[in-house]
């Protein structure tokens, strides 16, 4: 069920979903973070408590860790303020192109 939720979040929205619905990439990033923390906890528990490792559990932990770089481009850094776009002044728009380039 956990991976199904991740799959639904990853498939939601259009290619510009980060601009249209920024909560989707943030929810996906949070979901993957919870999955990775759970996978690390369970892997440590297997080694310390059971002294054995399950190959399926290790595969799932590896796949969870592999999702981290996939979600970072649309993740928390989207909350940072965006730089203001450069706007030409009216006087710069009316000058000939040679004057603007310094030639």
N, C-alpha and C. Protein backbone atom coordinates (compact mmCIF):
# COMPACT_ATOMS: atom_id res chain seq x y z
N UNK A 1 0.82 -1.18 0.00
CA UNK A 1 0.00 0.00 0.00
C UNK A 1 0.87 1.26 0.00
N UNK A 2 2.00 1.20 0.67
CA UNK A 2 2.88 2.36 0.76
C UNK A 2 3.43 2.74 -0.61
N UNK A 3 3.90 1.75 -1.36
CA UNK A 3 4.45 2.04 -2.68
C UNK A 3 3.35 2.47 -3.65
N UNK A 4 2.14 2.01 -3.44
CA UNK A 4 1.02 2.44 -4.29
C UNK A 4 0.74 3.92 -4.06
N UNK A 5 0.81 4.36 -2.82
CA UNK A 5 0.61 5.78 -2.52
C UNK A 5 1.72 6.62 -3.16
N UNK A 6 2.94 6.14 -3.08
CA UNK A 6 4.06 6.84 -3.72
C UNK A 6 3.86 6.92 -5.22
N UNK A 7 3.41 5.83 -5.81
CA UNK A 7 3.17 5.79 -7.25
C UNK A 7 2.08 6.78 -7.66
N UNK A 8 1.01 6.85 -6.88
CA UNK A 8 -0.08 7.79 -7.19
C UNK A 8 0.43 9.22 -7.08
N UNK A 9 1.18 9.54 -6.04
CA UNK A 9 1.72 10.89 -5.89
C UNK A 9 2.68 11.24 -7.02
N UNK A 10 3.49 10.28 -7.44
CA UNK A 10 4.45 10.53 -8.52
C UNK A 10 3.75 10.74 -9.86
N UNK A 11 2.60 10.12 -10.04
CA UNK A 11 1.89 10.23 -11.31
C UNK A 11 0.86 11.34 -11.37
N UNK A 12 0.63 12.02 -10.27
CA UNK A 12 -0.39 13.07 -10.24
C UNK A 12 0.09 14.33 -10.95
N UNK A 13 -0.84 14.99 -11.61
CA UNK A 13 -0.58 16.31 -12.18
C UNK A 13 0.13 16.28 -13.51
N UNK A 14 0.27 17.46 -14.08
CA UNK A 14 0.93 17.60 -15.38
C UNK A 14 2.42 17.82 -15.19
N UNK A 15 3.11 18.06 -16.29
CA UNK A 15 4.56 18.27 -16.21
C UNK A 15 4.90 19.53 -15.44
N UNK A 16 3.99 20.50 -15.40
CA UNK A 16 4.24 21.74 -14.67
C UNK A 16 3.52 21.74 -13.32
N UNK A 17 3.41 20.59 -12.70
CA UNK A 17 2.66 20.48 -11.45
C UNK A 17 3.32 21.24 -10.31
N UNK A 18 4.62 21.45 -10.38
CA UNK A 18 5.30 22.19 -9.32
C UNK A 18 4.82 23.64 -9.28
N UNK A 19 4.45 24.19 -10.42
CA UNK A 19 3.94 25.55 -10.46
C UNK A 19 2.43 25.59 -10.22
N UNK A 20 1.72 24.61 -10.77
CA UNK A 20 0.26 24.60 -10.67
C UNK A 20 -0.23 24.14 -9.30
N UNK A 21 0.35 23.05 -8.82
CA UNK A 21 -0.05 22.47 -7.52
C UNK A 21 1.21 22.08 -6.75
N UNK A 22 1.83 23.05 -6.09
CA UNK A 22 3.10 22.76 -5.42
C UNK A 22 2.99 21.77 -4.27
N UNK A 23 1.80 21.49 -3.79
CA UNK A 23 1.66 20.54 -2.69
C UNK A 23 1.96 19.11 -3.14
N UNK A 24 1.79 18.82 -4.44
CA UNK A 24 2.03 17.43 -4.91
C UNK A 24 3.50 17.05 -4.76
N UNK A 25 4.46 17.82 -5.31
CA UNK A 25 5.86 17.44 -5.10
C UNK A 25 6.29 17.46 -3.64
N UNK A 26 5.72 18.37 -2.87
CA UNK A 26 6.06 18.41 -1.44
C UNK A 26 5.53 17.19 -0.71
N UNK A 27 4.33 16.76 -1.05
CA UNK A 27 3.77 15.55 -0.43
C UNK A 27 4.58 14.32 -0.83
N UNK A 28 4.99 14.27 -2.10
CA UNK A 28 5.80 13.14 -2.56
C UNK A 28 7.15 13.12 -1.84
N UNK A 29 7.76 14.28 -1.67
CA UNK A 29 9.03 14.35 -0.96
C UNK A 29 8.87 13.90 0.49
N UNK A 30 7.81 14.34 1.14
CA UNK A 30 7.56 13.93 2.53
C UNK A 30 7.31 12.43 2.62
N UNK A 31 6.56 11.89 1.67
CA UNK A 31 6.25 10.45 1.66
C UNK A 31 7.53 9.64 1.49
N UNK A 32 8.39 10.05 0.56
CA UNK A 32 9.64 9.32 0.35
C UNK A 32 10.54 9.45 1.57
N UNK A 33 10.54 10.60 2.21
CA UNK A 33 11.35 10.77 3.43
C UNK A 33 10.89 9.81 4.52
N UNK A 34 9.58 9.68 4.70
CA UNK A 34 9.05 8.73 5.69
C UNK A 34 9.44 7.31 5.32
N UNK A 35 9.36 6.97 4.03
CA UNK A 35 9.73 5.62 3.59
C UNK A 35 11.20 5.33 3.87
N UNK A 36 12.06 6.30 3.61
CA UNK A 36 13.50 6.09 3.82
C UNK A 36 13.82 5.95 5.31
N UNK A 37 13.22 6.78 6.13
CA UNK A 37 13.46 6.68 7.58
C UNK A 37 12.97 5.32 8.09
N UNK A 38 11.82 4.88 7.63
CA UNK A 38 11.30 3.56 8.03
C UNK A 38 12.22 2.44 7.55
N UNK A 39 12.71 2.56 6.32
CA UNK A 39 13.59 1.51 5.78
C UNK A 39 14.90 1.44 6.57
N UNK A 40 15.45 2.59 6.91
CA UNK A 40 16.69 2.60 7.69
C UNK A 40 16.45 1.99 9.07
N UNK A 41 15.36 2.38 9.71
CA UNK A 41 15.03 1.85 11.03
C UNK A 41 14.88 0.33 10.98
N UNK A 42 14.13 -0.17 10.01
CA UNK A 42 13.89 -1.61 9.92
C UNK A 42 15.17 -2.38 9.57
N UNK A 43 16.03 -1.79 8.75
CA UNK A 43 17.29 -2.45 8.41
C UNK A 43 18.19 -2.54 9.63
N UNK A 44 18.27 -1.46 10.40
CA UNK A 44 19.07 -1.47 11.63
C UNK A 44 18.49 -2.47 12.62
N UNK A 45 17.17 -2.52 12.72
CA UNK A 45 16.53 -3.47 13.64
C UNK A 45 16.83 -4.91 13.23
N UNK A 46 16.82 -5.20 11.94
CA UNK A 46 17.13 -6.56 11.49
C UNK A 46 18.53 -6.97 11.92
N UNK A 47 19.48 -6.06 11.74
CA UNK A 47 20.86 -6.39 12.10
C UNK A 47 21.09 -6.49 13.59
N UNK A 48 20.46 -5.60 14.37
CA UNK A 48 20.73 -5.58 15.80
C UNK A 48 19.87 -6.55 16.60
N UNK A 49 18.63 -6.73 16.21
CA UNK A 49 17.72 -7.57 16.99
C UNK A 49 17.66 -9.00 16.48
N UNK A 50 17.57 -9.16 15.18
CA UNK A 50 17.39 -10.51 14.61
C UNK A 50 18.70 -11.13 14.12
N UNK A 51 19.72 -10.30 13.94
CA UNK A 51 21.04 -10.76 13.47
C UNK A 51 20.95 -11.46 12.12
N UNK A 52 19.96 -11.12 11.36
CA UNK A 52 19.78 -11.63 10.00
C UNK A 52 19.14 -10.54 9.16
N UNK A 53 19.37 -10.66 7.86
CA UNK A 53 18.78 -9.68 6.94
C UNK A 53 17.91 -10.39 5.93
N UNK A 54 16.78 -9.79 5.66
CA UNK A 54 15.85 -10.30 4.67
C UNK A 54 16.19 -9.67 3.32
N UNK A 55 16.36 -10.49 2.30
CA UNK A 55 16.75 -9.95 0.99
C UNK A 55 15.66 -9.04 0.41
N UNK A 56 14.41 -9.37 0.64
CA UNK A 56 13.32 -8.53 0.14
C UNK A 56 13.29 -7.20 0.87
N UNK A 57 13.55 -7.23 2.16
CA UNK A 57 13.57 -5.99 2.94
C UNK A 57 14.73 -5.10 2.52
N UNK A 58 15.88 -5.69 2.25
CA UNK A 58 17.02 -4.92 1.78
C UNK A 58 16.76 -4.34 0.40
N UNK A 59 16.09 -5.10 -0.45
CA UNK A 59 15.72 -4.59 -1.78
C UNK A 59 14.77 -3.40 -1.64
N UNK A 60 13.77 -3.52 -0.79
CA UNK A 60 12.82 -2.43 -0.57
C UNK A 60 13.52 -1.20 0.01
N UNK A 61 14.46 -1.41 0.93
CA UNK A 61 15.20 -0.27 1.50
C UNK A 61 16.05 0.40 0.43
N UNK A 62 16.66 -0.39 -0.43
CA UNK A 62 17.46 0.17 -1.52
C UNK A 62 16.62 0.95 -2.51
N UNK A 63 15.44 0.44 -2.82
CA UNK A 63 14.55 1.15 -3.73
C UNK A 63 14.03 2.43 -3.10
N UNK A 64 13.77 2.41 -1.81
CA UNK A 64 13.35 3.63 -1.12
C UNK A 64 14.46 4.67 -1.15
N UNK A 65 15.68 4.25 -0.92
CA UNK A 65 16.81 5.18 -0.97
C UNK A 65 17.03 5.71 -2.38
N UNK A 66 16.76 4.89 -3.39
CA UNK A 66 16.93 5.32 -4.78
C UNK A 66 15.90 6.37 -5.19
N UNK A 67 14.81 6.47 -4.46
CA UNK A 67 13.78 7.47 -4.78
C UNK A 67 14.17 8.87 -4.31
N UNK A 68 15.10 8.97 -3.38
CA UNK A 68 15.45 10.28 -2.82
C UNK A 68 15.92 11.26 -3.89
N UNK A 69 16.91 10.91 -4.73
CA UNK A 69 17.33 11.89 -5.74
C UNK A 69 16.24 12.18 -6.78
N UNK A 70 15.31 11.28 -6.93
CA UNK A 70 14.25 11.48 -7.91
C UNK A 70 13.25 12.54 -7.47
N UNK A 71 13.07 12.70 -6.18
CA UNK A 71 12.07 13.66 -5.69
C UNK A 71 12.68 15.00 -5.29
N UNK A 72 13.98 15.09 -5.13
CA UNK A 72 14.58 16.34 -4.68
C UNK A 72 14.38 17.52 -5.64
N UNK A 73 14.46 17.35 -6.96
CA UNK A 73 14.27 18.52 -7.83
C UNK A 73 12.92 19.21 -7.66
N UNK A 74 11.88 18.51 -7.24
CA UNK A 74 10.58 19.15 -7.04
C UNK A 74 10.22 19.29 -5.58
N UNK A 75 11.21 19.14 -4.71
CA UNK A 75 10.92 19.08 -3.30
C UNK A 75 11.03 20.37 -2.54
N UNK A 76 11.59 20.33 -1.35
CA UNK A 76 11.55 21.46 -0.43
C UNK A 76 12.17 22.74 -0.95
N UNK A 77 13.11 22.67 -1.87
CA UNK A 77 13.70 23.92 -2.34
C UNK A 77 12.70 24.78 -3.10
N UNK A 78 11.55 24.24 -3.46
CA UNK A 78 10.51 25.03 -4.12
C UNK A 78 9.92 26.06 -3.18
N UNK A 79 10.14 25.90 -1.88
CA UNK A 79 9.61 26.85 -0.91
C UNK A 79 10.48 28.09 -0.79
N UNK A 80 11.72 28.00 -1.28
CA UNK A 80 12.62 29.15 -1.21
C UNK A 80 12.12 30.27 -2.13
N UNK A 81 12.33 31.51 -1.74
CA UNK A 81 11.87 32.60 -2.60
C UNK A 81 12.60 32.60 -3.93
N UNK A 82 11.87 32.86 -4.97
CA UNK A 82 12.45 32.89 -6.31
C UNK A 82 13.08 34.25 -6.55
N UNK A 83 14.19 34.29 -7.32
CA UNK A 83 14.79 35.59 -7.63
C UNK A 83 13.86 36.40 -8.53
N UNK A 84 13.89 37.70 -8.34
CA UNK A 84 13.04 38.56 -9.16
C UNK A 84 13.58 38.59 -10.58
N UNK A 85 12.72 38.55 -11.57
CA UNK A 85 13.19 38.60 -12.96
C UNK A 85 13.76 39.98 -13.27
N UNK A 86 14.75 39.98 -14.14
CA UNK A 86 15.38 41.23 -14.55
C UNK A 86 14.43 41.97 -15.49
N UNK A 87 14.16 43.21 -15.19
CA UNK A 87 13.26 44.02 -16.01
C UNK A 87 14.04 45.21 -16.54
N UNK A 88 14.01 45.37 -17.86
CA UNK A 88 14.68 46.50 -18.48
C UNK A 88 13.89 47.78 -18.21
N UNK A 89 14.61 48.85 -18.00
CA UNK A 89 13.93 50.13 -17.81
C UNK A 89 13.43 50.64 -19.16
N UNK A 90 12.56 51.61 -19.13
CA UNK A 90 12.02 52.17 -20.37
C UNK A 90 13.12 52.74 -21.25
N UNK A 91 14.11 53.38 -20.64
CA UNK A 91 15.17 53.99 -21.45
C UNK A 91 16.00 52.92 -22.16
N UNK A 92 16.20 51.76 -21.54
CA UNK A 92 16.96 50.69 -22.18
C UNK A 92 16.20 50.08 -23.34
N UNK A 93 14.88 50.12 -23.29
CA UNK A 93 14.09 49.55 -24.38
C UNK A 93 14.10 50.42 -25.62
N UNK A 94 14.35 51.73 -25.47
CA UNK A 94 14.28 52.63 -26.60
C UNK A 94 15.63 52.91 -27.23
N UNK A 95 16.70 52.40 -26.65
CA UNK A 95 18.02 52.61 -27.24
C UNK A 95 18.26 51.60 -28.34
N UNK A 96 19.01 51.94 -29.36
CA UNK A 96 19.36 50.97 -30.42
C UNK A 96 20.16 49.81 -29.83
N UNK A 97 20.11 48.68 -30.52
CA UNK A 97 20.74 47.47 -30.04
C UNK A 97 22.24 47.62 -29.86
N UNK A 98 22.90 48.39 -30.72
CA UNK A 98 24.35 48.55 -30.60
C UNK A 98 24.73 49.26 -29.30
N UNK A 99 23.92 50.19 -28.85
CA UNK A 99 24.21 50.89 -27.61
C UNK A 99 24.01 49.97 -26.41
N UNK A 100 23.05 49.07 -26.47
CA UNK A 100 22.78 48.17 -25.35
C UNK A 100 23.91 47.16 -25.17
N UNK A 101 24.52 46.72 -26.26
CA UNK A 101 25.57 45.70 -26.17
C UNK A 101 26.94 46.30 -25.89
N UNK A 102 27.06 47.60 -25.97
CA UNK A 102 28.34 48.24 -25.70
C UNK A 102 29.23 48.33 -26.93
N UNK A 103 28.73 48.01 -28.11
CA UNK A 103 29.55 48.09 -29.33
C UNK A 103 29.56 49.49 -29.89
